[in-house]
Amino acid sequence: MNLGVDIIEIARVNTALMRSGNRLAQRLLTSAEQQALGDLVENVERLAGFWAAKEAAVKALGTGFRLGILFHNIEIRHDELGCPYYSFSGEFARLMQEKKLTHATLSISHCQSHAIAAAALG
């Protein structure tokens, strides 16, 4: 079992969002994620959680955002109960298969100042 954790300041994400606007969303999020989040200014804490979740995933994989892995290779979805889960594609999915990792678990939380995510791959 591989574990990755990431924590991010929501104010830092808000500053980046104000500075770059849609460019940040296009870099970090798939089109489905952008639709799910809606207005990013109103949902900056959720955006921070998605960012932390993607960082946690690459830490659990042990690669970081190298070896051709892109933010778009890691999509955050929610089940019918609202629980987050991962959907992997591209180079991330290929490396999961190469490392014989078949399961992924995700937890995301936030408070007023920070968002945190934990990823477990096994």
PDB file of N, CA and C in Angstrom:
ATOM      1  N   MET A   1       0.850  -1.176   0.000  1.00  0.00           N
ATOM      2  CA  MET A   1       0.000   0.000   0.000  1.00  0.00           C
ATOM      3  C   MET A   1       0.893   1.235   0.000  1.00  0.00           C
ATOM      4  N   ASN A   2       0.631   2.141  -0.912  1.00  0.00           N
ATOM      5  CA  ASN A   2       1.378   3.399  -1.002  1.00  0.00           C
ATOM      6  C   ASN A   2       0.474   4.536  -0.552  1.00  0.00           C
ATOM      7  N   LEU A   3       1.003   5.421   0.278  1.00  0.00           N
ATOM      8  CA  LEU A   3       0.223   6.531   0.818  1.00  0.00           C
ATOM      9  C   LEU A   3       0.823   7.856   0.379  1.00  0.00           C
ATOM     10  N   GLY A   4      -0.033   8.794   0.006  1.00  0.00           N
ATOM     11  CA  GLY A   4       0.385  10.154  -0.324  1.00  0.00           C
ATOM     12  C   GLY A   4      -0.555  11.136   0.351  1.00  0.00           C
ATOM     13  N   VAL A   5      -0.004  12.211   0.895  1.00  0.00           N
ATOM     14  CA  VAL A   5      -0.802  13.237   1.575  1.00  0.00           C
ATOM     15  C   VAL A   5      -0.345  14.598   1.085  1.00  0.00           C
ATOM     16  N   ASP A   6      -1.290  15.518   0.909  1.00  0.00           N
ATOM     17  CA  ASP A   6      -0.939  16.886   0.540  1.00  0.00           C
ATOM     18  C   ASP A   6      -1.867  17.851   1.257  1.00  0.00           C
ATOM     19  N   ILE A   7      -1.303  18.969   1.681  1.00  0.00           N
ATOM     20  CA  ILE A   7      -2.071  20.041   2.315  1.00  0.00           C
ATOM     21  C   ILE A   7      -1.730  21.339   1.590  1.00  0.00           C
ATOM     22  N   ILE A   8      -2.731  22.184   1.399  1.00  0.00           N
ATOM     23  CA  ILE A   8      -2.523  23.415   0.650  1.00  0.00           C
ATOM     24  C   ILE A   8      -3.309  24.547   1.302  1.00  0.00           C
ATOM     25  N   GLU A   9      -2.717  25.735   1.297  1.00  0.00           N
ATOM     26  CA  GLU A   9      -3.400  26.915   1.827  1.00  0.00           C
ATOM     27  C   GLU A   9      -4.432  27.398   0.817  1.00  0.00           C
ATOM     28  N   ILE A  10      -5.659  27.548   1.260  1.00  0.00           N
ATOM     29  CA  ILE A  10      -6.728  28.002   0.375  1.00  0.00           C
ATOM     30  C   ILE A  10      -6.451  29.414  -0.121  1.00  0.00           C
ATOM     31  N   ALA A  11      -5.882  30.269   0.717  1.00  0.00           N
ATOM     32  CA  ALA A  11      -5.564  31.644   0.296  1.00  0.00           C
ATOM     33  C   ALA A  11      -4.571  31.643  -0.867  1.00  0.00           C
ATOM     34  N   ARG A  12      -3.629  30.717  -0.856  1.00  0.00           N
ATOM     35  CA  ARG A  12      -2.656  30.613  -1.946  1.00  0.00           C
ATOM     36  C   ARG A  12      -3.340  30.217  -3.256  1.00  0.00           C
ATOM     37  N   VAL A  13      -4.278  29.301  -3.166  1.00  0.00           N
ATOM     38  CA  VAL A  13      -5.032  28.889  -4.348  1.00  0.00           C
ATOM     39  C   VAL A  13      -5.878  30.054  -4.850  1.00  0.00           C
ATOM     40  N   ASN A  14      -6.501  30.783  -3.933  1.00  0.00           N
ATOM     41  CA  ASN A  14      -7.313  31.938  -4.316  1.00  0.00           C
ATOM     42  C   ASN A  14      -6.469  32.991  -5.028  1.00  0.00           C
ATOM     43  N   THR A  15      -5.259  33.250  -4.518  1.00  0.00           N
ATOM     44  CA  THR A  15      -4.355  34.209  -5.157  1.00  0.00           C
ATOM     45  C   THR A  15      -4.008  33.757  -6.571  1.00  0.00           C
ATOM     46  N   ALA A  16      -3.682  32.482  -6.729  1.00  0.00           N
ATOM     47  CA  ALA A  16      -3.351  31.943  -8.054  1.00  0.00           C
ATOM     48  C   ALA A  16      -4.551  32.037  -8.990  1.00  0.00           C
ATOM     49  N   LEU A  17      -5.733  31.780  -8.469  1.00  0.00           N
ATOM     50  CA  LEU A  17      -6.949  31.853  -9.274  1.00  0.00           C
ATOM     51  C   LEU A  17      -7.217  33.283  -9.726  1.00  0.00           C
ATOM     52  N   MET A  18      -7.035  34.240  -8.828  1.00  0.00           N
ATOM     53  CA  MET A  18      -7.258  35.646  -9.171  1.00  0.00           C
ATOM     54  C   MET A  18      -6.241  36.127 -10.210  1.00  0.00           C
ATOM     55  N   ARG A  19      -5.021  35.627 -10.101  1.00  0.00           N
ATOM     56  CA  ARG A  19      -3.954  36.027 -11.011  1.00  0.00           C
ATOM     57  C   ARG A  19      -4.127  35.433 -12.407  1.00  0.00           C
ATOM     58  N   SER A  20      -4.507  34.161 -12.472  1.00  0.00           N
ATOM     59  CA  SER A  20      -4.513  33.486 -13.777  1.00  0.00           C
ATOM     60  C   SER A  20      -5.895  33.084 -14.273  1.00  0.00           C
ATOM     61  N   GLY A  21      -6.891  33.145 -13.420  1.00  0.00           N
ATOM     62  CA  GLY A  21      -8.260  32.859 -13.843  1.00  0.00           C
ATOM     63  C   GLY A  21      -8.429  31.493 -14.469  1.00  0.00           C
ATOM     64  N   ASN A  22      -9.032  31.482 -15.651  1.00  0.00           N
ATOM     65  CA  ASN A  22      -9.340  30.223 -16.329  1.00  0.00           C
ATOM     66  C   ASN A  22      -8.109  29.403 -16.683  1.00  0.00           C
ATOM     67  N   ARG A  23      -6.956  30.040 -16.835  1.00  0.00           N
ATOM     68  CA  ARG A  23      -5.737  29.278 -17.169  1.00  0.00           C
ATOM     69  C   ARG A  23      -5.424  28.265 -16.067  1.00  0.00           C
ATOM     70  N   LEU A  24      -5.603  28.660 -14.802  1.00  0.00           N
ATOM     71  CA  LEU A  24      -5.351  27.740 -13.697  1.00  0.00           C
ATOM     72  C   LEU A  24      -6.317  26.558 -13.775  1.00  0.00           C
ATOM     73  N   ALA A  25      -7.580  26.845 -13.962  1.00  0.00           N
ATOM     74  CA  ALA A  25      -8.584  25.780 -14.050  1.00  0.00           C
ATOM     75  C   ALA A  25      -8.288  24.845 -15.218  1.00  0.00           C
ATOM     76  N   GLN A  26      -7.923  25.397 -16.362  1.00  0.00           N
ATOM     77  CA  GLN A  26      -7.635  24.569 -17.535  1.00  0.00           C
ATOM     78  C   GLN A  26      -6.401  23.703 -17.327  1.00  0.00           C
ATOM     79  N   ARG A  27      -5.440  24.191 -16.558  1.00  0.00           N
ATOM     80  CA  ARG A  27      -4.221  23.426 -16.288  1.00  0.00           C
ATOM     81  C   ARG A  27      -4.483  22.300 -15.286  1.00  0.00           C
ATOM     82  N   LEU A  28      -5.282  22.587 -14.246  1.00  0.00           N
ATOM     83  CA  LEU A  28      -5.482  21.637 -13.156  1.00  0.00           C
ATOM     84  C   LEU A  28      -6.629  20.662 -13.366  1.00  0.00           C
ATOM     85  N   LEU A  29      -7.696  21.118 -14.011  1.00  0.00           N
ATOM     86  CA  LEU A  29      -8.954  20.379 -14.002  1.00  0.00           C
ATOM     87  C   LEU A  29      -9.351  19.853 -15.376  1.00  0.00           C
ATOM     88  N   THR A  30      -9.971  18.681 -15.384  1.00  0.00           N
ATOM     89  CA  THR A  30     -10.595  18.190 -16.607  1.00  0.00           C
ATOM     90  C   THR A  30     -11.876  18.994 -16.827  1.00  0.00           C
ATOM     91  N   SER A  31     -12.455  18.882 -18.004  1.00  0.00           N
ATOM     92  CA  SER A  31     -13.700  19.611 -18.270  1.00  0.00           C
ATOM     93  C   SER A  31     -14.821  19.132 -17.346  1.00  0.00           C
ATOM     94  N   ALA A  32     -14.859  17.839 -17.028  1.00  0.00           N
ATOM     95  CA  ALA A  32     -15.871  17.314 -16.103  1.00  0.00           C
ATOM     96  C   ALA A  32     -15.690  17.906 -14.705  1.00  0.00           C
ATOM     97  N   GLU A  33     -14.439  18.045 -14.266  1.00  0.00           N
ATOM     98  CA  GLU A  33     -14.179  18.648 -12.955  1.00  0.00           C
ATOM     99  C   GLU A  33     -14.575  20.119 -12.943  1.00  0.00           C
ATOM    100  N   GLN A  34     -14.283  20.827 -14.026  1.00  0.00           N
ATOM    101  CA  GLN A  34     -14.667  22.238 -14.108  1.00  0.00           C
ATOM    102  C   GLN A  34     -16.181  22.378 -14.007  1.00  0.00           C
ATOM    103  N   GLN A  35     -16.917  21.506 -14.670  1.00  0.00           N
ATOM    104  CA  GLN A  35     -18.378  21.538 -14.590  1.00  0.00           C
ATOM    105  C   GLN A  35     -18.855  21.220 -13.181  1.00  0.00           C
ATOM    106  N   ALA A  36     -18.239  20.232 -12.545  1.00  0.00           N
ATOM    107  CA  ALA A  36     -18.646  19.840 -11.192  1.00  0.00           C
ATOM    108  C   ALA A  36     -18.413  20.957 -10.181  1.00  0.00           C
ATOM    109  N   LEU A  37     -17.328  21.707 -10.356  1.00  0.00           N
ATOM    110  CA  LEU A  37     -17.009  22.774  -9.404  1.00  0.00           C
ATOM    111  C   LEU A  37     -17.793  24.053  -9.674  1.00  0.00           C
ATOM    112  N   GLY A  38     -18.170  24.284 -10.916  1.00  0.00           N
ATOM    113  CA  GLY A  38     -18.919  25.507 -11.229  1.00  0.00           C
ATOM    114  C   GLY A  38     -18.077  26.750 -11.026  1.00  0.00           C
ATOM    115  N   ASP A  39     -18.622  27.730 -10.340  1.00  0.00           N
ATOM    116  CA  ASP A  39     -17.939  29.005 -10.091  1.00  0.00           C
ATOM    117  C   ASP A  39     -16.757  28.776  -9.148  1.00  0.00           C
ATOM    118  N   LEU A  40     -15.548  28.880  -9.680  1.00  0.00           N
ATOM    119  CA  LEU A  40     -14.347  28.574  -8.893  1.00  0.00           C
ATOM    120  C   LEU A  40     -14.113  29.572  -7.772  1.00  0.00           C
ATOM    121  N   VAL A  41     -14.484  30.827  -7.972  1.00  0.00           N
ATOM    122  CA  VAL A  41     -14.297  31.830  -6.916  1.00  0.00           C
ATOM    123  C   VAL A  41     -15.147  31.459  -5.703  1.00  0.00           C
ATOM    124  N   GLU A  42     -16.369  31.003  -5.948  1.00  0.00           N
ATOM    125  CA  GLU A  42     -17.248  30.597  -4.847  1.00  0.00           C
ATOM    126  C   GLU A  42     -16.851  29.242  -4.269  1.00  0.00           C
ATOM    127  N   ASN A  43     -16.143  28.437  -5.029  1.00  0.00           N
ATOM    128  CA  ASN A  43     -15.771  27.082  -4.608  1.00  0.00           C
ATOM    129  C   ASN A  43     -14.264  26.899  -4.507  1.00  0.00           C
ATOM    130  N   VAL A  44     -13.557  27.948  -4.107  1.00  0.00           N
ATOM    131  CA  VAL A  44     -12.092  27.880  -4.068  1.00  0.00           C
ATOM    132  C   VAL A  44     -11.601  26.800  -3.103  1.00  0.00           C
ATOM    133  N   GLU A  45     -12.338  26.550  -2.012  1.00  0.00           N
ATOM    134  CA  GLU A  45     -11.910  25.508  -1.072  1.00  0.00           C
ATOM    135  C   GLU A  45     -12.020  24.130  -1.717  1.00  0.00           C
ATOM    136  N   ARG A  46     -13.014  23.917  -2.562  1.00  0.00           N
ATOM    137  CA  ARG A  46     -13.130  22.641  -3.279  1.00  0.00           C
ATOM    138  C   ARG A  46     -12.044  22.519  -4.336  1.00  0.00           C
ATOM    139  N   LEU A  47     -11.742  23.626  -5.034  1.00  0.00           N
ATOM    140  CA  LEU A  47     -10.638  23.629  -5.998  1.00  0.00           C
ATOM    141  C   LEU A  47      -9.338  23.256  -5.295  1.00  0.00           C
ATOM    142  N   ALA A  48      -9.096  23.841  -4.124  1.00  0.00           N
ATOM    143  CA  ALA A  48      -7.892  23.516  -3.349  1.00  0.00           C
ATOM    144  C   ALA A  48      -7.875  22.034  -2.981  1.00  0.00           C
ATOM    145  N   GLY A  49      -9.025  21.486  -2.618  1.00  0.00           N
ATOM    146  CA  GLY A  49      -9.111  20.061  -2.296  1.00  0.00           C
ATOM    147  C   GLY A  49      -8.795  19.175  -3.487  1.00  0.00           C
ATOM    148  N   PHE A  50      -9.286  19.554  -4.674  1.00  0.00           N
ATOM    149  CA  PHE A  50      -8.985  18.790  -5.888  1.00  0.00           C
ATOM    150  C   PHE A  50      -7.491  18.847  -6.190  1.00  0.00           C
ATOM    151  N   TRP A  51      -6.893  20.033  -6.044  1.00  0.00           N
ATOM    152  CA  TRP A  51      -5.459  20.200  -6.290  1.00  0.00           C
ATOM    153  C   TRP A  51      -4.672  19.317  -5.324  1.00  0.00           C
ATOM    154  N   ALA A  52      -5.023  19.380  -4.032  1.00  0.00           N
ATOM    155  CA  ALA A  52      -4.337  18.559  -3.030  1.00  0.00           C
ATOM    156  C   ALA A  52      -4.506  17.071  -3.340  1.00  0.00           C
ATOM    157  N   ALA A  53      -5.685  16.676  -3.814  1.00  0.00           N
ATOM    158  CA  ALA A  53      -5.940  15.268  -4.135  1.00  0.00           C
ATOM    159  C   ALA A  53      -5.044  14.781  -5.270  1.00  0.00           C
ATOM    160  N   LYS A  54      -4.823  15.627  -6.254  1.00  0.00           N
ATOM    161  CA  LYS A  54      -3.958  15.257  -7.378  1.00  0.00           C
ATOM    162  C   LYS A  54      -2.498  15.179  -6.935  1.00  0.00           C
ATOM    163  N   GLU A  55      -2.086  16.112  -6.088  1.00  0.00           N
ATOM    164  CA  GLU A  55      -0.720  16.073  -5.540  1.00  0.00           C
ATOM    165  C   GLU A  55      -0.534  14.826  -4.675  1.00  0.00           C
ATOM    166  N   ALA A  56      -1.540  14.478  -3.876  1.00  0.00           N
ATOM    167  CA  ALA A  56      -1.452  13.285  -3.029  1.00  0.00           C
ATOM    168  C   ALA A  56      -1.326  12.024  -3.878  1.00  0.00           C
ATOM    169  N   ALA A  57      -2.030  11.979  -5.000  1.00  0.00           N
ATOM    170  CA  ALA A  57      -1.976  10.801  -5.875  1.00  0.00           C
ATOM    171  C   ALA A  57      -0.575  10.577  -6.438  1.00  0.00           C
ATOM    172  N   VAL A  58       0.069  11.649  -6.927  1.00  0.00           N
ATOM    173  CA  VAL A  58       1.411  11.464  -7.500  1.00  0.00           C
ATOM    174  C   VAL A  58       2.440  11.149  -6.423  1.00  0.00           C
ATOM    175  N   LYS A  59       2.194  11.609  -5.196  1.00  0.00           N
ATOM    176  CA  LYS A  59       3.080  11.239  -4.086  1.00  0.00           C
ATOM    177  C   LYS A  59       2.911   9.757  -3.760  1.00  0.00           C
ATOM    178  N   ALA A  60       1.672   9.277  -3.754  1.00  0.00           N
ATOM    179  CA  ALA A  60       1.430   7.857  -3.487  1.00  0.00           C
ATOM    180  C   ALA A  60       2.032   6.980  -4.583  1.00  0.00           C
ATOM    181  N   LEU A  61       1.989   7.458  -5.815  1.00  0.00           N
ATOM    182  CA  LEU A  61       2.582   6.709  -6.926  1.00  0.00           C
ATOM    183  C   LEU A  61       4.109   6.741  -6.861  1.00  0.00           C
ATOM    184  N   GLY A  62       4.648   7.778  -6.214  1.00  0.00           N
ATOM    185  CA  GLY A  62       6.099   7.890  -6.059  1.00  0.00           C
ATOM    186  C   GLY A  62       6.798   8.596  -7.197  1.00  0.00           C
ATOM    187  N   THR A  63       6.049   9.329  -8.010  1.00  0.00           N
ATOM    188  CA  THR A  63       6.640   9.960  -9.186  1.00  0.00           C
ATOM    189  C   THR A  63       6.636  11.477  -9.148  1.00  0.00           C
ATOM    190  N   GLY A  64       5.693  12.067  -8.437  1.00  0.00           N
ATOM    191  CA  GLY A  64       5.466  13.494  -8.606  1.00  0.00           C
ATOM    192  C   GLY A  64       4.942  13.722 -10.012  1.00  0.00           C
ATOM    193  N   PHE A  65       4.863  14.976 -10.422  1.00  0.00           N
ATOM    194  CA  PHE A  65       4.408  15.287 -11.780  1.00  0.00           C
ATOM    195  C   PHE A  65       5.596  15.254 -12.734  1.00  0.00           C
ATOM    196  N   ARG A  66       6.132  14.037 -12.912  1.00  0.00           N
ATOM    197  CA  ARG A  66       7.226  13.785 -13.853  1.00  0.00           C
ATOM    198  C   ARG A  66       6.818  12.602 -14.719  1.00  0.00           C
ATOM    199  N   LEU A  67       7.702  12.187 -15.561  1.00  0.00           N
ATOM    200  CA  LEU A  67       7.505  10.992 -16.393  1.00  0.00           C
ATOM    201  C   LEU A  67       6.269  11.103 -17.279  1.00  0.00           C
ATOM    202  N   GLY A  68       5.899  12.320 -17.641  1.00  0.00           N
ATOM    203  CA  GLY A  68       4.765  12.510 -18.541  1.00  0.00           C
ATOM    204  C   GLY A  68       3.410  12.559 -17.876  1.00  0.00           C
ATOM    205  N   ILE A  69       3.376  12.548 -16.547  1.00  0.00           N
ATOM    206  CA  ILE A  69       2.095  12.617 -15.839  1.00  0.00           C
ATOM    207  C   ILE A  69       1.596  14.059 -15.843  1.00  0.00           C
ATOM    208  N   LEU A  70       0.318  14.211 -16.186  1.00  0.00           N
ATOM    209  CA  LEU A  70      -0.324  15.518 -16.238  1.00  0.00           C
ATOM    210  C   LEU A  70      -1.446  15.589 -15.202  1.00  0.00           C
ATOM    211  N   PHE A  71      -1.816  16.799 -14.795  1.00  0.00           N
ATOM    212  CA  PHE A  71      -2.948  16.966 -13.881  1.00  0.00           C
ATOM    213  C   PHE A  71      -4.206  16.316 -14.458  1.00  0.00           C
ATOM    214  N   HIS A  72      -4.373  16.383 -15.785  1.00  0.00           N
ATOM    215  CA  HIS A  72      -5.570  15.835 -16.420  1.00  0.00           C
ATOM    216  C   HIS A  72      -5.607  14.316 -16.405  1.00  0.00           C
ATOM    217  N   ASN A  73      -4.485  13.656 -16.084  1.00  0.00           N
ATOM    218  CA  ASN A  73      -4.469  12.194 -15.964  1.00  0.00           C
ATOM    219  C   ASN A  73      -5.130  11.724 -14.676  1.00  0.00           C
ATOM    220  N   ILE A  74      -5.418  12.660 -13.789  1.00  0.00           N
ATOM    221  CA  ILE A  74      -5.996  12.343 -12.481  1.00  0.00           C
ATOM    222  C   ILE A  74      -7.299  13.131 -12.369  1.00  0.00           C
ATOM    223  N   GLU A  75      -8.412  12.430 -12.420  1.00  0.00           N
ATOM    224  CA  GLU A  75      -9.710  13.112 -12.336  1.00  0.00           C
ATOM    225  C   GLU A  75     -10.387  12.756 -11.019  1.00  0.00           C
ATOM    226  N   ILE A  76     -10.948  13.770 -10.375  1.00  0.00           N
ATOM    227  CA  ILE A  76     -11.682  13.573  -9.129  1.00  0.00           C
ATOM    228  C   ILE A  76     -13.166  13.502  -9.479  1.00  0.00           C
ATOM    229  N   ARG A  77     -13.797  12.420  -9.058  1.00  0.00           N
ATOM    230  CA  ARG A  77     -15.234  12.228  -9.259  1.00  0.00           C
ATOM    231  C   ARG A  77     -15.880  11.974  -7.905  1.00  0.00           C
ATOM    232  N   HIS A  78     -17.197  11.946  -7.890  1.00  0.00           N
ATOM    233  CA  HIS A  78     -17.931  11.673  -6.652  1.00  0.00           C
ATOM    234  C   HIS A  78     -18.991  10.610  -6.916  1.00  0.00           C
ATOM    235  N   ASP A  79     -19.142   9.689  -5.966  1.00  0.00           N
ATOM    236  CA  ASP A  79     -20.161   8.652  -6.113  1.00  0.00           C
ATOM    237  C   ASP A  79     -21.533   9.206  -5.714  1.00  0.00           C
ATOM    238  N   GLU A  80     -22.539   8.342  -5.718  1.00  0.00           N
ATOM    239  CA  GLU A  80     -23.907   8.781  -5.435  1.00  0.00           C
ATOM    240  C   GLU A  80     -24.088   9.311  -4.012  1.00  0.00           C
ATOM    241  N   LEU A  81     -23.171   8.987  -3.115  1.00  0.00           N
ATOM    242  CA  LEU A  81     -23.225   9.503  -1.744  1.00  0.00           C
ATOM    243  C   LEU A  81     -22.374  10.757  -1.560  1.00  0.00           C
ATOM    244  N   GLY A  82     -21.689  11.178  -2.630  1.00  0.00           N
ATOM    245  CA  GLY A  82     -20.844  12.370  -2.553  1.00  0.00           C
ATOM    246  C   GLY A  82     -19.406  12.095  -2.155  1.00  0.00           C
ATOM    247  N   CYS A  83     -19.044  10.810  -2.027  1.00  0.00           N
ATOM    248  CA  CYS A  83     -17.671  10.460  -1.647  1.00  0.00           C
ATOM    249  C   CYS A  83     -16.750  10.608  -2.862  1.00  0.00           C
ATOM    250  N   PRO A  84     -15.585  11.238  -2.672  1.00  0.00           N
ATOM    251  CA  PRO A  84     -14.669  11.408  -3.801  1.00  0.00           C
ATOM    252  C   PRO A  84     -13.940  10.114  -4.134  1.00  0.00           C
ATOM    253  N   TYR A  85     -13.647   9.961  -5.411  1.00  0.00           N
ATOM    254  CA  TYR A  85     -12.812   8.849  -5.853  1.00  0.00           C
ATOM    255  C   TYR A  85     -12.035   9.288  -7.090  1.00  0.00           C
ATOM    256  N   TYR A  86     -10.995   8.522  -7.409  1.00  0.00           N
ATOM    257  CA  TYR A  86     -10.133   8.830  -8.545  1.00  0.00           C
ATOM    258  C   TYR A  86     -10.583   8.102  -9.810  1.00  0.00           C
ATOM    259  N   SER A  87     -10.324   8.745 -10.939  1.00  0.00           N
ATOM    260  CA  SER A  87     -10.378   8.105 -12.250  1.00  0.00           C
ATOM    261  C   SER A  87      -9.064   8.474 -12.942  1.00  0.00           C
ATOM    262  N   PHE A  88      -8.257   7.466 -13.264  1.00  0.00           N
ATOM    263  CA  PHE A  88      -6.933   7.707 -13.839  1.00  0.00           C
ATOM    264  C   PHE A  88      -6.932   7.432 -15.338  1.00  0.00           C
ATOM    265  N   SER A  89      -6.085   8.166 -16.052  1.00  0.00           N
ATOM    266  CA  SER A  89      -5.928   7.967 -17.490  1.00  0.00           C
ATOM    267  C   SER A  89      -4.475   8.241 -17.867  1.00  0.00           C
ATOM    268  N   GLY A  90      -4.177   8.049 -19.145  1.00  0.00           N
ATOM    269  CA  GLY A  90      -2.864   8.411 -19.667  1.00  0.00           C
ATOM    270  C   GLY A  90      -1.710   7.747 -18.942  1.00  0.00           C
ATOM    271  N   GLU A  91      -0.659   8.504 -18.756  1.00  0.00           N
ATOM    272  CA  GLU A  91       0.578   7.979 -18.174  1.00  0.00           C
ATOM    273  C   GLU A  91       0.385   7.524 -16.734  1.00  0.00           C
ATOM    274  N   PHE A  92      -0.476   8.196 -15.991  1.00  0.00           N
ATOM    275  CA  PHE A  92      -0.724   7.769 -14.608  1.00  0.00           C
ATOM    276  C   PHE A  92      -1.311   6.360 -14.602  1.00  0.00           C
ATOM    277  N   ALA A  93      -2.317   6.124 -15.431  1.00  0.00           N
ATOM    278  CA  ALA A  93      -2.944   4.801 -15.502  1.00  0.00           C
ATOM    279  C   ALA A  93      -1.936   3.743 -15.949  1.00  0.00           C
ATOM    280  N   ARG A  94      -1.081   4.095 -16.913  1.00  0.00           N
ATOM    281  CA  ARG A  94      -0.074   3.148 -17.391  1.00  0.00           C
ATOM    282  C   ARG A  94       0.892   2.766 -16.278  1.00  0.00           C
ATOM    283  N   LEU A  95       1.347   3.761 -15.503  1.00  0.00           N
ATOM    284  CA  LEU A  95       2.271   3.484 -14.403  1.00  0.00           C
ATOM    285  C   LEU A  95       1.596   2.684 -13.287  1.00  0.00           C
ATOM    286  N   MET A  96       0.317   2.935 -13.040  1.00  0.00           N
ATOM    287  CA  MET A  96      -0.424   2.123 -12.056  1.00  0.00           C
ATOM    288  C   MET A  96      -0.392   0.659 -12.485  1.00  0.00           C
ATOM    289  N   GLN A  97      -0.657   0.424 -13.764  1.00  0.00           N
ATOM    290  CA  GLN A  97      -0.666  -0.943 -14.283  1.00  0.00           C
ATOM    291  C   GLN A  97       0.730  -1.559 -14.198  1.00  0.00           C
ATOM    292  N   GLU A  98       1.746  -0.784 -14.572  1.00  0.00           N
ATOM    293  CA  GLU A  98       3.127  -1.270 -14.522  1.00  0.00           C
ATOM    294  C   GLU A  98       3.526  -1.660 -13.101  1.00  0.00           C
ATOM    295  N   LYS A  99       3.073  -0.881 -12.124  1.00  0.00           N
ATOM    296  CA  LYS A  99       3.408  -1.150 -10.719  1.00  0.00           C
ATOM    297  C   LYS A  99       2.435  -2.133 -10.065  1.00  0.00           C
ATOM    298  N   LYS A 100       1.495  -2.654 -10.880  1.00  0.00           N
ATOM    299  CA  LYS A 100       0.503  -3.619 -10.403  1.00  0.00           C
ATOM    300  C   LYS A 100      -0.353  -3.053  -9.262  1.00  0.00           C
ATOM    301  N   LEU A 101      -0.681  -1.777  -9.376  1.00  0.00           N
ATOM    302  CA  LEU A 101      -1.562  -1.117  -8.413  1.00  0.00           C
ATOM    303  C   LEU A 101      -2.967  -1.103  -9.006  1.00  0.00           C
ATOM    304  N   THR A 102      -3.918  -1.680  -8.292  1.00  0.00           N
ATOM    305  CA  THR A 102      -5.263  -1.837  -8.843  1.00  0.00           C
ATOM    306  C   THR A 102      -6.344  -1.090  -8.068  1.00  0.00           C
ATOM    307  N   HIS A 103      -6.020  -0.564  -6.900  1.00  0.00           N
ATOM    308  CA  HIS A 103      -7.014   0.115  -6.070  1.00  0.00           C
ATOM    309  C   HIS A 103      -6.517   1.501  -5.669  1.00  0.00           C
ATOM    310  N   ALA A 104      -7.444   2.425  -5.582  1.00  0.00           N
ATOM    311  CA  ALA A 104      -7.122   3.781  -5.125  1.00  0.00           C
ATOM    312  C   ALA A 104      -8.221   4.247  -4.180  1.00  0.00           C
ATOM    313  N   THR A 105      -7.810   4.841  -3.083  1.00  0.00           N
ATOM    314  CA  THR A 105      -8.743   5.405  -2.117  1.00  0.00           C
ATOM    315  C   THR A 105      -8.372   6.862  -1.907  1.00  0.00           C
ATOM    316  N   LEU A 106      -9.382   7.713  -1.786  1.00  0.00           N
ATOM    317  CA  LEU A 106      -9.165   9.152  -1.664  1.00  0.00           C
ATOM    318  C   LEU A 106     -10.018   9.728  -0.547  1.00  0.00           C
ATOM    319  N   SER A 107      -9.423  10.614   0.229  1.00  0.00           N
ATOM    320  CA  SER A 107     -10.157  11.396   1.218  1.00  0.00           C
ATOM    321  C   SER A 107      -9.727  12.848   1.081  1.00  0.00           C
ATOM    322  N   ILE A 108     -10.703  13.757   1.058  1.00  0.00           N
ATOM    323  CA  ILE A 108     -10.443  15.197   0.951  1.00  0.00           C
ATOM    324  C   ILE A 108     -11.195  15.897   2.072  1.00  0.00           C
ATOM    325  N   SER A 109     -10.537  16.881   2.695  1.00  0.00           N
ATOM    326  CA  SER A 109     -11.200  17.687   3.713  1.00  0.00           C
ATOM    327  C   SER A 109     -10.655  19.104   3.657  1.00  0.00           C
ATOM    328  N   HIS A 110     -11.395  20.039   4.221  1.00  0.00           N
ATOM    329  CA  HIS A 110     -10.908  21.420   4.282  1.00  0.00           C
ATOM    330  C   HIS A 110     -11.528  22.138   5.471  1.00  0.00           C
ATOM    331  N   CYS A 111     -10.837  23.178   5.897  1.00  0.00           N
ATOM    332  CA  CYS A 111     -11.351  24.108   6.895  1.00  0.00           C
ATOM    333  C   CYS A 111     -11.266  25.490   6.259  1.00  0.00           C
ATOM    334  N   GLN A 112     -11.381  26.547   7.024  1.00  0.00           N
ATOM    335  CA  GLN A 112     -11.334  27.885   6.441  1.00  0.00           C
ATOM    336  C   GLN A 112     -10.009  28.187   5.765  1.00  0.00           C
ATOM    337  N   SER A 113      -8.911  27.659   6.291  1.00  0.00           N
ATOM    338  CA  SER A 113      -7.592  28.070   5.809  1.00  0.00           C
ATOM    339  C   SER A 113      -6.861  27.044   4.945  1.00  0.00           C
ATOM    340  N   HIS A 114      -7.178  25.776   5.080  1.00  0.00           N
ATOM    341  CA  HIS A 114      -6.417  24.734   4.385  1.00  0.00           C
ATOM    342  C   HIS A 114      -7.329  23.652   3.814  1.00  0.00           C
ATOM    343  N   ALA A 115      -6.826  23.008   2.775  1.00  0.00           N
ATOM    344  CA  ALA A 115      -7.447  21.792   2.238  1.00  0.00           C
ATOM    345  C   ALA A 115      -6.396  20.694   2.323  1.00  0.00           C
ATOM    346  N   ILE A 116      -6.850  19.486   2.616  1.00  0.00           N
ATOM    347  CA  ILE A 116      -5.942  18.352   2.740  1.00  0.00           C
ATOM    348  C   ILE A 116      -6.546  17.161   2.004  1.00  0.00           C
ATOM    349  N   ALA A 117      -5.670  16.340   1.449  1.00  0.00           N
ATOM    350  CA  ALA A 117      -6.115  15.120   0.777  1.00  0.00           C
ATOM    351  C   ALA A 117      -5.142  13.997   1.096  1.00  0.00           C
ATOM    352  N   ALA A 118      -5.692  12.800   1.211  1.00  0.00           N
ATOM    353  CA  ALA A 118      -4.885  11.598   1.411  1.00  0.00           C
ATOM    354  C   ALA A 118      -5.268  10.593   0.333  1.00  0.00           C
ATOM    355  N   ALA A 119      -4.259   9.998  -0.281  1.00  0.00           N
ATOM    356  CA  ALA A 119      -4.454   8.992  -1.322  1.00  0.00           C
ATOM    357  C   ALA A 119      -3.752   7.711  -0.910  1.00  0.00           C
ATOM    358  N   ALA A 120      -4.427   6.593  -1.108  1.00  0.00           N
ATOM    359  CA  ALA A 120      -3.824   5.283  -0.879  1.00  0.00           C
ATOM    360  C   ALA A 120      -3.957   4.483  -2.169  1.00  0.00           C
ATOM    361  N   LEU A 121      -2.834   3.954  -2.641  1.00  0.00           N
ATOM    362  CA  LEU A 121      -2.808   3.129  -3.850  1.00  0.00           C
ATOM    363  C   LEU A 121      -2.307   1.747  -3.478  1.00  0.00           C
ATOM    364  N   GLY A 122      -2.984   0.721  -3.939  1.00  0.00           N
ATOM    365  CA  GLY A 122      -2.545  -0.628  -3.622  1.00  0.00           C
ATOM    366  C   GLY A 122      -2.929  -1.614  -4.686  1.00  0.00           C
TER     367      GLY A 122
END
